[in-house]
Amino acid sequence: MQEGVKHDEAKPRLSLLPWREVFAVVNVLEHGARKYSVGNWQRVPDSRTRYFDAAHRHLAAWWLGERNDPESGLPHLAHGAACLLFLMWFDAEGDR
């Protein structure tokens, strides 16, 4: 039998993602959607500065040995990653 062909060399390899960690970030986003509303992060005034500050607060807490955010119980690194994703989105969309 002849081997099949699939032309996917230039497509993103999502299998490279660490899925447990991706779901940790999704859990942070779910927490935020419940606490505020879905997509609220897109409408926060002075969002670039505030999410920059929040990312660094979460990273500093993790660096100092606190693994989970006391309010949400979720990993500080997942919170920080969510903030960085927001900043990436704002960067791509332009200042808001």
C-alpha atoms as a PDB file:
ATOM      1  CA  MET A   1       0.000   0.000   0.000  1.00  0.00           C
ATOM      2  CA  GLN A   2       1.285   3.462  -0.895  1.00  0.00           C
ATOM      3  CA  GLU A   3       1.900   5.955   1.925  1.00  0.00           C
ATOM      4  CA  GLY A   4      -0.547   8.843   2.098  1.00  0.00           C
ATOM      5  CA  VAL A   5       0.308  12.497   1.601  1.00  0.00           C
ATOM      6  CA  LYS A   6      -0.729  15.500   3.683  1.00  0.00           C
ATOM      7  CA  HIS A   7       0.562  18.985   2.857  1.00  0.00           C
ATOM      8  CA  ASP A   8       0.708  20.553   6.298  1.00  0.00           C
ATOM      9  CA  GLU A   9       4.382  21.486   6.626  1.00  0.00           C
ATOM     10  CA  ALA A  10       3.709  25.234   6.879  1.00  0.00           C
ATOM     11  CA  LYS A  11       0.730  24.932   9.238  1.00  0.00           C
ATOM     12  CA  PRO A  12       0.985  25.619  12.977  1.00  0.00           C
ATOM     13  CA  ARG A  13       1.854  22.546  15.046  1.00  0.00           C
ATOM     14  CA  LEU A  14      -0.496  22.941  17.970  1.00  0.00           C
ATOM     15  CA  SER A  15       0.883  19.696  19.345  1.00  0.00           C
ATOM     16  CA  LEU A  16       3.860  21.781  20.523  1.00  0.00           C
ATOM     17  CA  LEU A  17       1.752  23.520  23.182  1.00  0.00           C
ATOM     18  CA  PRO A  18       1.911  22.355  26.811  1.00  0.00           C
ATOM     19  CA  TRP A  19      -1.826  21.703  27.107  1.00  0.00           C
ATOM     20  CA  ARG A  20      -2.026  21.364  30.903  1.00  0.00           C
ATOM     21  CA  GLU A  21      -0.601  24.887  31.178  1.00  0.00           C
ATOM     22  CA  VAL A  22      -2.845  26.211  28.400  1.00  0.00           C
ATOM     23  CA  PHE A  23      -5.861  24.939  30.345  1.00  0.00           C
ATOM     24  CA  ALA A  24      -4.511  26.642  33.488  1.00  0.00           C
ATOM     25  CA  VAL A  25      -4.634  29.946  31.598  1.00  0.00           C
ATOM     26  CA  VAL A  26      -8.138  29.127  30.336  1.00  0.00           C
ATOM     27  CA  ASN A  27      -9.172  28.517  33.963  1.00  0.00           C
ATOM     28  CA  VAL A  28      -7.918  32.020  34.818  1.00  0.00           C
ATOM     29  CA  LEU A  29      -9.934  33.434  31.910  1.00  0.00           C
ATOM     30  CA  GLU A  30     -13.032  31.548  33.099  1.00  0.00           C
ATOM     31  CA  HIS A  31     -12.513  32.967  36.601  1.00  0.00           C
ATOM     32  CA  GLY A  32     -12.313  36.487  35.144  1.00  0.00           C
ATOM     33  CA  ALA A  33     -15.398  35.952  32.977  1.00  0.00           C
ATOM     34  CA  ARG A  34     -17.389  34.840  36.036  1.00  0.00           C
ATOM     35  CA  LYS A  35     -16.063  37.654  38.231  1.00  0.00           C
ATOM     36  CA  TYR A  36     -16.522  40.479  35.693  1.00  0.00           C
ATOM     37  CA  SER A  37     -18.027  39.384  32.349  1.00  0.00           C
ATOM     38  CA  VAL A  38     -16.894  37.720  29.144  1.00  0.00           C
ATOM     39  CA  GLY A  39     -14.545  40.044  27.267  1.00  0.00           C
ATOM     40  CA  ASN A  40     -14.437  42.620  30.086  1.00  0.00           C
ATOM     41  CA  TRP A  41     -10.631  42.747  29.846  1.00  0.00           C
ATOM     42  CA  GLN A  42     -10.964  44.365  26.395  1.00  0.00           C
ATOM     43  CA  ARG A  43     -12.803  47.361  27.855  1.00  0.00           C
ATOM     44  CA  VAL A  44     -10.688  48.166  30.919  1.00  0.00           C
ATOM     45  CA  PRO A  45      -9.524  51.818  30.878  1.00  0.00           C
ATOM     46  CA  ASP A  46      -5.734  52.279  30.661  1.00  0.00           C
ATOM     47  CA  SER A  47      -5.581  48.542  29.994  1.00  0.00           C
ATOM     48  CA  ARG A  48      -1.974  48.345  28.776  1.00  0.00           C
ATOM     49  CA  THR A  49      -0.577  49.831  31.974  1.00  0.00           C
ATOM     50  CA  ARG A  50      -2.955  47.955  34.253  1.00  0.00           C
ATOM     51  CA  TYR A  51      -2.330  44.527  32.694  1.00  0.00           C
ATOM     52  CA  PHE A  52       1.419  45.212  32.555  1.00  0.00           C
ATOM     53  CA  ASP A  53       1.299  45.960  36.281  1.00  0.00           C
ATOM     54  CA  ALA A  54      -0.902  42.934  36.999  1.00  0.00           C
ATOM     55  CA  ALA A  55       1.405  40.593  35.067  1.00  0.00           C
ATOM     56  CA  HIS A  56       4.372  41.820  37.070  1.00  0.00           C
ATOM     57  CA  ARG A  57       2.529  41.525  40.387  1.00  0.00           C
ATOM     58  CA  HIS A  58       1.732  37.883  39.599  1.00  0.00           C
ATOM     59  CA  LEU A  59       5.294  37.193  38.475  1.00  0.00           C
ATOM     60  CA  ALA A  60       6.727  38.852  41.587  1.00  0.00           C
ATOM     61  CA  ALA A  61       4.418  36.858  43.876  1.00  0.00           C
ATOM     62  CA  TRP A  62       5.494  33.648  42.132  1.00  0.00           C
ATOM     63  CA  TRP A  63       9.166  34.687  42.306  1.00  0.00           C
ATOM     64  CA  LEU A  64       8.807  35.234  46.047  1.00  0.00           C
ATOM     65  CA  GLY A  65       7.444  31.712  46.497  1.00  0.00           C
ATOM     66  CA  GLU A  66       3.671  32.112  46.375  1.00  0.00           C
ATOM     67  CA  ARG A  67       2.470  29.616  43.766  1.00  0.00           C
ATOM     68  CA  ASN A  68      -1.260  30.375  43.729  1.00  0.00           C
ATOM     69  CA  ASP A  69      -3.187  33.623  43.798  1.00  0.00           C
ATOM     70  CA  PRO A  70      -4.946  33.801  47.187  1.00  0.00           C
ATOM     71  CA  GLU A  71      -8.194  35.196  45.727  1.00  0.00           C
ATOM     72  CA  SER A  72      -8.700  32.750  42.849  1.00  0.00           C
ATOM     73  CA  GLY A  73      -6.634  29.814  44.080  1.00  0.00           C
ATOM     74  CA  LEU A  74      -5.200  29.575  40.568  1.00  0.00           C
ATOM     75  CA  PRO A  75      -1.490  29.694  39.647  1.00  0.00           C
ATOM     76  CA  HIS A  76       0.131  33.126  39.592  1.00  0.00           C
ATOM     77  CA  LEU A  77       1.975  32.115  36.417  1.00  0.00           C
ATOM     78  CA  ALA A  78      -1.339  31.369  34.675  1.00  0.00           C
ATOM     79  CA  HIS A  79      -2.633  34.797  35.746  1.00  0.00           C
ATOM     80  CA  GLY A  80       0.561  36.393  34.455  1.00  0.00           C
ATOM     81  CA  ALA A  81       0.288  34.504  31.165  1.00  0.00           C
ATOM     82  CA  ALA A  82      -3.305  35.703  30.748  1.00  0.00           C
ATOM     83  CA  CYS A  83      -2.171  39.294  31.293  1.00  0.00           C
ATOM     84  CA  LEU A  84       0.579  38.845  28.700  1.00  0.00           C
ATOM     85  CA  LEU A  85      -1.943  37.451  26.209  1.00  0.00           C
ATOM     86  CA  PHE A  86      -4.104  40.523  26.796  1.00  0.00           C
ATOM     87  CA  LEU A  87      -1.100  42.765  26.159  1.00  0.00           C
ATOM     88  CA  MET A  88      -0.337  40.861  22.949  1.00  0.00           C
ATOM     89  CA  TRP A  89      -3.938  41.381  21.835  1.00  0.00           C
ATOM     90  CA  PHE A  90      -3.827  45.123  22.646  1.00  0.00           C
ATOM     91  CA  ASP A  91      -0.533  45.387  20.776  1.00  0.00           C
ATOM     92  CA  ALA A  92      -2.022  43.737  17.681  1.00  0.00           C
ATOM     93  CA  GLU A  93      -5.264  45.732  17.867  1.00  0.00           C
ATOM     94  CA  GLY A  94      -3.629  49.085  18.571  1.00  0.00           C
ATOM     95  CA  ASP A  95      -4.063  51.317  21.582  1.00  0.00           C
ATOM     96  CA  ARG A  96      -7.493  51.199  23.147  1.00  0.00           C
END
